[in-house]
C-alpha atoms as a PDB file:
ATOM      1  CA  MET A   1     106.279  61.383  75.196  1.00  0.00           C
ATOM      2  CA  MET A   2     108.888  63.246  73.684  1.00  0.00           C
ATOM      3  CA  ALA A   3     112.006  63.075  75.576  1.00  0.00           C
ATOM      4  CA  GLN A   4     112.946  65.718  78.542  1.00  0.00           C
ATOM      5  CA  TRP A   5     116.449  66.519  77.226  1.00  0.00           C
ATOM      6  CA  TYR A   6     114.614  67.204  73.649  1.00  0.00           C
ATOM      7  CA  GLN A   7     112.022  69.536  74.897  1.00  0.00           C
ATOM      8  CA  LEU A   8     114.520  71.470  76.753  1.00  0.00           C
ATOM      9  CA  GLN A   9     116.658  72.242  73.752  1.00  0.00           C
ATOM     10  CA  MET A  10     113.449  74.050  72.004  1.00  0.00           C
ATOM     11  CA  LEU A  11     112.971  76.670  75.010  1.00  0.00           C
ATOM     12  CA  ASP A  12     114.113  80.045  74.735  1.00  0.00           C
ATOM     13  CA  GLY A  13     117.936  81.172  75.510  1.00  0.00           C
ATOM     14  CA  LYS A  14     116.753  82.184  79.142  1.00  0.00           C
ATOM     15  CA  TYR A  15     115.512  78.871  79.871  1.00  0.00           C
ATOM     16  CA  LEU A  16     118.402  77.213  78.289  1.00  0.00           C
ATOM     17  CA  GLU A  17     120.904  79.934  80.473  1.00  0.00           C
ATOM     18  CA  GLN A  18     119.149  78.105  83.693  1.00  0.00           C
ATOM     19  CA  VAL A  19     119.764  74.496  82.077  1.00  0.00           C
ATOM     20  CA  ASP A  20     123.518  75.613  81.848  1.00  0.00           C
ATOM     21  CA  GLN A  21     123.680  76.705  85.331  1.00  0.00           C
ATOM     22  CA  LEU A  22     122.791  73.257  86.353  1.00  0.00           C
ATOM     23  CA  TYR A  23     126.103  71.295  84.823  1.00  0.00           C
ATOM     24  CA  ASP A  24     129.730  71.592  85.933  1.00  0.00           C
ATOM     25  CA  ASP A  25     132.950  70.001  85.924  1.00  0.00           C
ATOM     26  CA  SER A  26     131.992  67.442  88.270  1.00  0.00           C
ATOM     27  CA  PHE A  27     129.182  66.626  86.243  1.00  0.00           C
ATOM     28  CA  PRO A  28     129.288  68.062  82.734  1.00  0.00           C
ATOM     29  CA  MET A  29     126.487  68.717  80.249  1.00  0.00           C
ATOM     30  CA  ASP A  30     128.171  66.377  77.594  1.00  0.00           C
ATOM     31  CA  ILE A  31     126.907  63.225  79.739  1.00  0.00           C
ATOM     32  CA  ARG A  32     123.397  64.454  79.880  1.00  0.00           C
ATOM     33  CA  GLN A  33     123.340  65.136  76.209  1.00  0.00           C
ATOM     34  CA  TYR A  34     125.509  62.075  74.771  1.00  0.00           C
ATOM     35  CA  LEU A  35     123.661  59.476  77.393  1.00  0.00           C
ATOM     36  CA  SER A  36     119.978  61.674  77.252  1.00  0.00           C
ATOM     37  CA  GLN A  37     117.854  58.689  76.763  1.00  0.00           C
ATOM     38  CA  TRP A  38     119.722  56.160  79.345  1.00  0.00           C
ATOM     39  CA  ILE A  39     119.466  58.627  82.122  1.00  0.00           C
ATOM     40  CA  GLU A  40     115.962  59.655  81.628  1.00  0.00           C
ATOM     41  CA  SER A  41     115.249  55.513  81.708  1.00  0.00           C
ATOM     42  CA  VAL A  42     116.749  55.018  84.968  1.00  0.00           C
ATOM     43  CA  ASP A  43     114.443  56.028  88.633  1.00  0.00           C
ATOM     44  CA  TRP A  44     117.750  57.874  89.938  1.00  0.00           C
ATOM     45  CA  GLU A  45     115.490  58.726  93.077  1.00  0.00           C
ATOM     46  CA  ALA A  46     115.315  55.379  93.841  1.00  0.00           C
ATOM     47  CA  VAL A  47     119.112  55.152  93.348  1.00  0.00           C
ATOM     48  CA  THR A  48     120.245  57.687  95.793  1.00  0.00           C
ATOM     49  CA  ASP A  49     118.565  55.479  98.916  1.00  0.00           C
ATOM     50  CA  ASN A  50     120.415  52.294  97.268  1.00  0.00           C
ATOM     51  CA  GLU A  51     124.253  52.718  97.422  1.00  0.00           C
ATOM     52  CA  SER A  52     124.812  48.599  95.991  1.00  0.00           C
ATOM     53  CA  LEU A  53     122.369  50.011  93.242  1.00  0.00           C
ATOM     54  CA  ALA A  54     124.120  53.055  92.840  1.00  0.00           C
ATOM     55  CA  THR A  55     127.290  51.413  92.284  1.00  0.00           C
ATOM     56  CA  VAL A  56     125.440  49.349  89.494  1.00  0.00           C
ATOM     57  CA  ARG A  57     124.231  52.335  87.737  1.00  0.00           C
ATOM     58  CA  PHE A  58     127.859  53.878  88.307  1.00  0.00           C
ATOM     59  CA  HIS A  59     129.371  51.050  86.207  1.00  0.00           C
ATOM     60  CA  GLU A  60     126.684  51.049  83.571  1.00  0.00           C
ATOM     61  CA  LEU A  61     127.391  55.000  82.973  1.00  0.00           C
ATOM     62  CA  LEU A  62     131.135  54.274  82.498  1.00  0.00           C
ATOM     63  CA  SER A  63     129.863  51.728  80.206  1.00  0.00           C
ATOM     64  CA  GLN A  64     127.662  54.223  77.646  1.00  0.00           C
ATOM     65  CA  LEU A  65     130.689  56.689  77.920  1.00  0.00           C
ATOM     66  CA  ASP A  66     132.909  53.529  76.760  1.00  0.00           C
ATOM     67  CA  ASP A  67     130.337  52.441  73.827  1.00  0.00           C
ATOM     68  CA  GLN A  68     129.962  56.567  72.967  1.00  0.00           C
ATOM     69  CA  HIS A  69     133.778  56.454  72.803  1.00  0.00           C
ATOM     70  CA  SER A  70     133.745  53.865  70.294  1.00  0.00           C
ATOM     71  CA  ARG A  71     131.269  55.680  68.319  1.00  0.00           C
ATOM     72  CA  PHE A  72     133.306  58.799  68.143  1.00  0.00           C
ATOM     73  CA  ALA A  73     136.711  56.476  67.110  1.00  0.00           C
ATOM     74  CA  LEU A  74     134.300  55.036  64.242  1.00  0.00           C
ATOM     75  CA  GLU A  75     133.584  58.566  63.274  1.00  0.00           C
ATOM     76  CA  ASN A  76     137.290  59.429  63.647  1.00  0.00           C
ATOM     77  CA  ASN A  77     136.739  62.601  65.912  1.00  0.00           C
ATOM     78  CA  PHE A  78     139.788  62.295  67.999  1.00  0.00           C
ATOM     79  CA  LEU A  79     139.049  65.784  69.862  1.00  0.00           C
ATOM     80  CA  LEU A  80     135.227  64.072  71.257  1.00  0.00           C
ATOM     81  CA  GLN A  81     137.059  60.573  72.145  1.00  0.00           C
ATOM     82  CA  HIS A  82     139.589  63.045  74.351  1.00  0.00           C
ATOM     83  CA  ASN A  83     136.974  64.362  75.995  1.00  0.00           C
ATOM     84  CA  ILE A  84     134.932  61.215  76.726  1.00  0.00           C
ATOM     85  CA  ARG A  85     138.079  59.718  78.271  1.00  0.00           C
ATOM     86  CA  LYS A  86     138.901  62.987  80.330  1.00  0.00           C
ATOM     87  CA  ILE A  87     134.826  62.833  81.451  1.00  0.00           C
ATOM     88  CA  LYS A  88     135.230  58.972  82.157  1.00  0.00           C
ATOM     89  CA  ARG A  89     138.430  59.659  84.559  1.00  0.00           C
ATOM     90  CA  ASN A  90     136.865  62.669  86.171  1.00  0.00           C
ATOM     91  CA  LEU A  91     134.130  60.249  87.216  1.00  0.00           C
ATOM     92  CA  GLN A  92     136.045  57.921  88.462  1.00  0.00           C
ATOM     93  CA  ASP A  93     138.117  59.865  90.568  1.00  0.00           C
ATOM     94  CA  ARG A  94     135.349  61.794  92.336  1.00  0.00           C
ATOM     95  CA  PHE A  95     132.308  59.021  92.397  1.00  0.00           C
ATOM     96  CA  GLN A  96     134.134  55.538  92.528  1.00  0.00           C
ATOM     97  CA  GLU A  97     133.308  55.618  96.384  1.00  0.00           C
ATOM     98  CA  GLU A  98     130.898  57.270  96.426  1.00  0.00           C
ATOM     99  CA  PRO A  99     128.096  56.880  93.776  1.00  0.00           C
ATOM    100  CA  VAL A 100     125.569  57.730  95.631  1.00  0.00           C
ATOM    101  CA  ILE A 101     126.539  61.169  95.304  1.00  0.00           C
ATOM    102  CA  MET A 102     126.413  60.934  91.416  1.00  0.00           C
ATOM    103  CA  ALA A 103     123.075  59.516  91.732  1.00  0.00           C
ATOM    104  CA  GLY A 104     121.701  61.955  93.967  1.00  0.00           C
ATOM    105  CA  ILE A 105     123.069  64.977  91.479  1.00  0.00           C
ATOM    106  CA  ILE A 106     121.503  63.332  88.383  1.00  0.00           C
ATOM    107  CA  SER A 107     118.183  63.039  90.633  1.00  0.00           C
ATOM    108  CA  ARG A 108     118.664  66.799  91.298  1.00  0.00           C
ATOM    109  CA  ASN A 109     119.628  67.672  88.008  1.00  0.00           C
ATOM    110  CA  LEU A 110     116.267  66.028  86.012  1.00  0.00           C
ATOM    111  CA  LYS A 111     113.539  67.521  88.855  1.00  0.00           C
ATOM    112  CA  GLU A 112     115.529  70.960  88.021  1.00  0.00           C
ATOM    113  CA  GLU A 113     114.900  70.461  84.339  1.00  0.00           C
ATOM    114  CA  GLN A 114     111.067  69.577  85.244  1.00  0.00           C
ATOM    115  CA  LYS A 115     111.089  72.692  87.188  1.00  0.00           C
ATOM    116  CA  ILE A 116     112.468  74.661  84.043  1.00  0.00           C
ATOM    117  CA  LEU A 117     109.702  73.109  81.397  1.00  0.00           C
ATOM    118  CA  GLU A 118     106.917  73.982  83.926  1.00  0.00           C
ATOM    119  CA  SER A 119     107.960  77.491  84.223  1.00  0.00           C
ATOM    120  CA  ALA A 120     108.270  77.801  80.581  1.00  0.00           C
ATOM    121  CA  LYS A 121     104.924  75.854  79.830  1.00  0.00           C
ATOM    122  CA  SER A 122     103.294  78.182  82.602  1.00  0.00           C
ATOM    123  CA  VAL A 123     104.718  81.474  80.427  1.00  0.00           C
ATOM    124  CA  GLU A 124     103.462  80.182  77.043  1.00  0.00           C
ATOM    125  CA  GLN A 125     100.052  79.300  78.287  1.00  0.00           C
ATOM    126  CA  GLY A 126     100.087  82.477  80.064  1.00  0.00           C
ATOM    127  CA  GLU A 127     100.940  84.356  76.821  1.00  0.00           C
ATOM    128  CA  GLY A 128      98.411  81.990  75.026  1.00  0.00           C
ATOM    129  CA  THR A 129      95.312  83.160  77.147  1.00  0.00           C
ATOM    130  CA  GLY A 130      96.361  86.876  76.439  1.00  0.00           C
ATOM    131  CA  SER A 131      96.188  86.409  72.616  1.00  0.00           C
ATOM    132  CA  ALA A 132      92.283  84.410  73.394  1.00  0.00           C
ATOM    133  CA  MET A 133      91.394  87.947  75.021  1.00  0.00           C
ATOM    134  CA  VAL A 134      92.836  90.009  72.314  1.00  0.00           C
ATOM    135  CA  LEU A 135      90.522  87.824  70.043  1.00  0.00           C
ATOM    136  CA  GLU A 136      87.709  87.962  72.145  1.00  0.00           C
ATOM    137  CA  LYS A 137      88.025  91.658  72.665  1.00  0.00           C
ATOM    138  CA  GLN A 138      88.316  91.802  68.641  1.00  0.00           C
ATOM    139  CA  LYS A 139      85.206  89.761  68.684  1.00  0.00           C
ATOM    140  CA  LEU A 140      83.347  92.197  70.681  1.00  0.00           C
ATOM    141  CA  ASP A 141      84.427  95.768  69.172  1.00  0.00           C
ATOM    142  CA  ASN A 142      82.831  93.641  65.820  1.00  0.00           C
ATOM    143  CA  ILE A 143      79.624  93.235  67.181  1.00  0.00           C
ATOM    144  CA  VAL A 144      79.564  96.624  68.806  1.00  0.00           C
ATOM    145  CA  LYS A 145      80.290  98.043  65.524  1.00  0.00           C
ATOM    146  CA  GLU A 146      77.383  96.138  63.801  1.00  0.00           C
ATOM    147  CA  ILE A 147      75.260  97.585  66.247  1.00  0.00           C
ATOM    148  CA  LYS A 148      76.230 101.006  65.609  1.00  0.00           C
ATOM    149  CA  GLU A 149      75.713 100.540  61.623  1.00  0.00           C
ATOM    150  CA  LYS A 150      72.365  98.544  62.342  1.00  0.00           C
ATOM    151  CA  VAL A 151      71.033 101.519  64.562  1.00  0.00           C
ATOM    152  CA  GLN A 152      72.355 104.148  61.547  1.00  0.00           C
ATOM    153  CA  LEU A 153      70.243 101.851  59.009  1.00  0.00           C
ATOM    154  CA  VAL A 154      66.943 101.516  61.180  1.00  0.00           C
ATOM    155  CA  ASP A 155      67.293 105.166  61.889  1.00  0.00           C
ATOM    156  CA  GLN A 156      67.680 106.075  58.344  1.00  0.00           C
ATOM    157  CA  ASN A 157      64.486 104.537  57.462  1.00  0.00           C
ATOM    158  CA  ILE A 158      62.615 105.502  60.188  1.00  0.00           C
ATOM    159  CA  LYS A 159      63.383 108.861  58.648  1.00  0.00           C
ATOM    160  CA  THR A 160      62.627 107.529  54.986  1.00  0.00           C
ATOM    161  CA  LEU A 161      59.166 106.387  56.633  1.00  0.00           C
ATOM    162  CA  GLU A 162      57.998 109.581  58.504  1.00  0.00           C
ATOM    163  CA  ASP A 163      58.808 111.033  54.751  1.00  0.00           C
ATOM    164  CA  GLN A 164      56.904 108.849  52.825  1.00  0.00           C
ATOM    165  CA  GLN A 165      54.249 108.688  55.724  1.00  0.00           C
ATOM    166  CA  ASP A 166      53.632 112.304  55.474  1.00  0.00           C
ATOM    167  CA  GLU A 167      53.543 112.289  51.600  1.00  0.00           C
ATOM    168  CA  CYS A 168      50.738 109.649  51.806  1.00  0.00           C
ATOM    169  CA  ASP A 169      48.850 112.004  54.488  1.00  0.00           C
ATOM    170  CA  PHE A 170      48.846 114.647  52.246  1.00  0.00           C
ATOM    171  CA  ARG A 171      47.781 112.947  49.772  1.00  0.00           C
ATOM    172  CA  MET A 172      44.999 111.220  51.673  1.00  0.00           C
ATOM    173  CA  ASN A 173      43.903 114.514  52.985  1.00  0.00           C
ATOM    174  CA  THR A 174      43.738 116.200  49.520  1.00  0.00           C
ATOM    175  CA  LEU A 175      41.838 113.310  48.098  1.00  0.00           C
ATOM    176  CA  ARG A 176      39.076 113.359  50.894  1.00  0.00           C
ATOM    177  CA  ASN A 177      38.919 117.278  50.088  1.00  0.00           C
ATOM    178  CA  PRO A 178      35.429 117.968  48.176  1.00  0.00           C
ATOM    179  CA  GLU A 179      37.084 120.546  46.944  1.00  0.00           C
ATOM    180  CA  ASN A 180      38.749 118.191  44.499  1.00  0.00           C
ATOM    181  CA  GLU A 181      36.272 118.034  41.743  1.00  0.00           C
ATOM    182  CA  LYS A 182      35.567 121.735  41.932  1.00  0.00           C
ATOM    183  CA  ASN A 183      39.488 121.988  40.997  1.00  0.00           C
ATOM    184  CA  GLY A 184      39.269 119.787  37.934  1.00  0.00           C
ATOM    185  CA  MET A 185      39.901 116.349  39.111  1.00  0.00           C
ATOM    186  CA  THR A 186      37.529 113.809  36.755  1.00  0.00           C
ATOM    187  CA  PRO A 187      36.218 110.635  38.734  1.00  0.00           C
ATOM    188  CA  LYS A 188      38.640 108.716  36.644  1.00  0.00           C
ATOM    189  CA  GLU A 189      41.452 110.810  38.121  1.00  0.00           C
ATOM    190  CA  LEU A 190      39.957 110.602  41.850  1.00  0.00           C
ATOM    191  CA  GLU A 191      40.233 106.723  41.090  1.00  0.00           C
ATOM    192  CA  GLN A 192      43.470 106.304  39.916  1.00  0.00           C
ATOM    193  CA  GLU A 193      44.410 108.715  43.030  1.00  0.00           C
ATOM    194  CA  LYS A 194      42.608 105.824  45.179  1.00  0.00           C
ATOM    195  CA  LEU A 195      44.379 103.367  43.585  1.00  0.00           C
ATOM    196  CA  HIS A 196      47.869 104.962  44.307  1.00  0.00           C
ATOM    197  CA  LEU A 197      47.143 105.825  47.398  1.00  0.00           C
ATOM    198  CA  ASN A 198      45.979 101.812  48.223  1.00  0.00           C
ATOM    199  CA  ARG A 199      49.706 101.206  46.749  1.00  0.00           C
ATOM    200  CA  MET A 200      51.903 103.399  49.154  1.00  0.00           C
ATOM    201  CA  CYS A 201      49.770 101.970  51.779  1.00  0.00           C
ATOM    202  CA  LEU A 202      50.732  98.469  51.481  1.00  0.00           C
ATOM    203  CA  GLU A 203      54.345  99.557  50.216  1.00  0.00           C
ATOM    204  CA  LEU A 204      54.593 101.493  54.014  1.00  0.00           C
ATOM    205  CA  LYS A 205      53.317  98.652  55.760  1.00  0.00           C
ATOM    206  CA  ALA A 206      55.659  96.328  54.298  1.00  0.00           C
ATOM    207  CA  LYS A 207      58.287  98.851  55.019  1.00  0.00           C
ATOM    208  CA  ARG A 208      57.307  99.055  58.533  1.00  0.00           C
ATOM    209  CA  GLN A 209      57.098  95.336  59.125  1.00  0.00           C
ATOM    210  CA  ASP A 210      60.972  95.354  57.579  1.00  0.00           C
ATOM    211  CA  VAL A 211      61.792  98.343  60.285  1.00  0.00           C
ATOM    212  CA  VAL A 212      60.262  95.586  62.846  1.00  0.00           C
ATOM    213  CA  VAL A 213      62.515  92.969  61.987  1.00  0.00           C
ATOM    214  CA  LYS A 214      65.728  94.935  61.646  1.00  0.00           C
ATOM    215  CA  LEU A 215      64.772  95.968  65.538  1.00  0.00           C
ATOM    216  CA  VAL A 216      64.552  92.547  66.893  1.00  0.00           C
ATOM    217  CA  GLU A 217      67.831  91.846  65.187  1.00  0.00           C
ATOM    218  CA  LEU A 218      69.151  94.790  66.678  1.00  0.00           C
ATOM    219  CA  LEU A 219      67.967  93.893  70.223  1.00  0.00           C
ATOM    220  CA  ASN A 220      69.524  90.241  69.736  1.00  0.00           C
ATOM    221  CA  LEU A 221      72.696  91.371  68.751  1.00  0.00           C
ATOM    222  CA  SER A 222      72.553  93.596  71.616  1.00  0.00           C
ATOM    223  CA  HIS A 223      71.174  90.839  74.315  1.00  0.00           C
ATOM    224  CA  SER A 224      74.448  88.520  72.616  1.00  0.00           C
ATOM    225  CA  LEU A 225      76.668  91.435  73.326  1.00  0.00           C
ATOM    226  CA  VAL A 226      75.515  91.086  76.804  1.00  0.00           C
ATOM    227  CA  LEU A 227      75.928  88.076  77.457  1.00  0.00           C
ATOM    228  CA  SER A 228      79.240  87.750  75.886  1.00  0.00           C
ATOM    229  CA  LEU A 229      80.304  90.447  78.481  1.00  0.00           C
ATOM    230  CA  VAL A 230      79.078  88.457  81.243  1.00  0.00           C
ATOM    231  CA  SER A 231      80.536  85.181  80.708  1.00  0.00           C
ATOM    232  CA  GLU A 232      83.969  86.583  79.452  1.00  0.00           C
ATOM    233  CA  GLU A 233      84.114  88.619  82.874  1.00  0.00           C
ATOM    234  CA  LEU A 234      85.437  91.628  81.502  1.00  0.00           C
ATOM    235  CA  PRO A 235      84.115  94.288  83.698  1.00  0.00           C
ATOM    236  CA  GLU A 236      87.179  96.402  83.243  1.00  0.00           C
ATOM    237  CA  TRP A 237      86.548  96.791  79.645  1.00  0.00           C
ATOM    238  CA  LYS A 238      83.717  99.876  78.798  1.00  0.00           C
ATOM    239  CA  MET A 239      82.354 100.753  75.562  1.00  0.00           C
ATOM    240  CA  ALA A 240      82.099 104.666  75.391  1.00  0.00           C
ATOM    241  CA  SER A 241      78.552 104.289  73.761  1.00  0.00           C
ATOM    242  CA  PRO A 242      76.526 101.419  75.133  1.00  0.00           C
ATOM    243  CA  PRO A 243      74.186  99.875  72.057  1.00  0.00           C
ATOM    244  CA  GLU A 244      71.425  99.855  74.342  1.00  0.00           C
ATOM    245  CA  ALA A 245      71.679 103.851  74.942  1.00  0.00           C
ATOM    246  CA  ARG A 246      71.310 103.838  71.414  1.00  0.00           C
ATOM    247  CA  LEU A 247      68.597 101.225  71.046  1.00  0.00           C
ATOM    248  CA  ILE A 248      66.331 103.759  73.373  1.00  0.00           C
ATOM    249  CA  ARG A 249      67.006 106.887  71.440  1.00  0.00           C
ATOM    250  CA  VAL A 250      65.813 104.827  68.190  1.00  0.00           C
ATOM    251  CA  PHE A 251      62.784 103.413  70.065  1.00  0.00           C
ATOM    252  CA  ALA A 252      61.872 106.924  71.668  1.00  0.00           C
ATOM    253  CA  SER A 253      62.102 108.689  68.003  1.00  0.00           C
ATOM    254  CA  ALA A 254      60.125 106.005  66.089  1.00  0.00           C
ATOM    255  CA  ASN A 255      57.343 106.425  69.280  1.00  0.00           C
ATOM    256  CA  SER A 256      57.780 110.406  69.388  1.00  0.00           C
ATOM    257  CA  PRO A 257      54.820 112.458  67.780  1.00  0.00           C
ATOM    258  CA  GLY A 258      56.829 113.286  65.122  1.00  0.00           C
ATOM    259  CA  ARG A 259      57.744 109.701  63.772  1.00  0.00           C
ATOM    260  CA  GLY A 260      54.846 107.772  65.181  1.00  0.00           C
ATOM    261  CA  ARG A 261      52.446 108.753  62.330  1.00  0.00           C
ATOM    262  CA  LEU A 262      53.579 105.773  60.330  1.00  0.00           C
ATOM    263  CA  ALA A 263      50.093 104.127  60.136  1.00  0.00           C
ATOM    264  CA  CYS A 264      48.181 104.256  57.004  1.00  0.00           C
ATOM    265  CA  ARG A 265      45.191 105.916  57.701  1.00  0.00           C
ATOM    266  CA  TYR A 266      43.402 104.938  54.513  1.00  0.00           C
END
């Protein structure tokens, strides 16, 4: 698990300011920085209830500072050596007789640090949720766009079928007219026209089936959109033109007298 002090240093500046307010001359942040691992390894809550244990931990802390001073000496860092000696003297002056107070300060600061971390994580999770909602809305927008495009395509296909059906009806009626022979059509030409109309009927049947398939796809896509909206609980997000309304118009036009004549009558 990542050390608490290390996690704190990764936070934004506003959280670091809160951490800074926890430490003052009575227990400077330098100690928290230099002895972070050792400080976090001790149960300071338990130490605050035991004066003898608090005395032991106090002297251990002073010993830890001596070790840190030795490391700075090896680095020939005179300034930090001076700071460590000053910090040690101040701690002895303040807590030599009352080490429980020092334990209480450390325990309180560790708890406050944890609260700061939890607050930062809560905000981060909230932002993550917001991003997820944006992505979900984009996904729904894409589905709506796809539905609109499919509605337009189906509508165009129905119009094309209507025109082709009108042509087929006209040629069918012409073929059935007994005046054809009088108008100069030979038996061979009549037979060729029948074959051509047969092909037209087969093509129209295939195209009608294709339209039906596209309508089913459109219904499934619309159903998927409705389920997504319900499952994600986005009642406040309203689409300007629901896809179901467009589907109703398509079906109405497909079944109207003007466009319902898609069956081959030959």
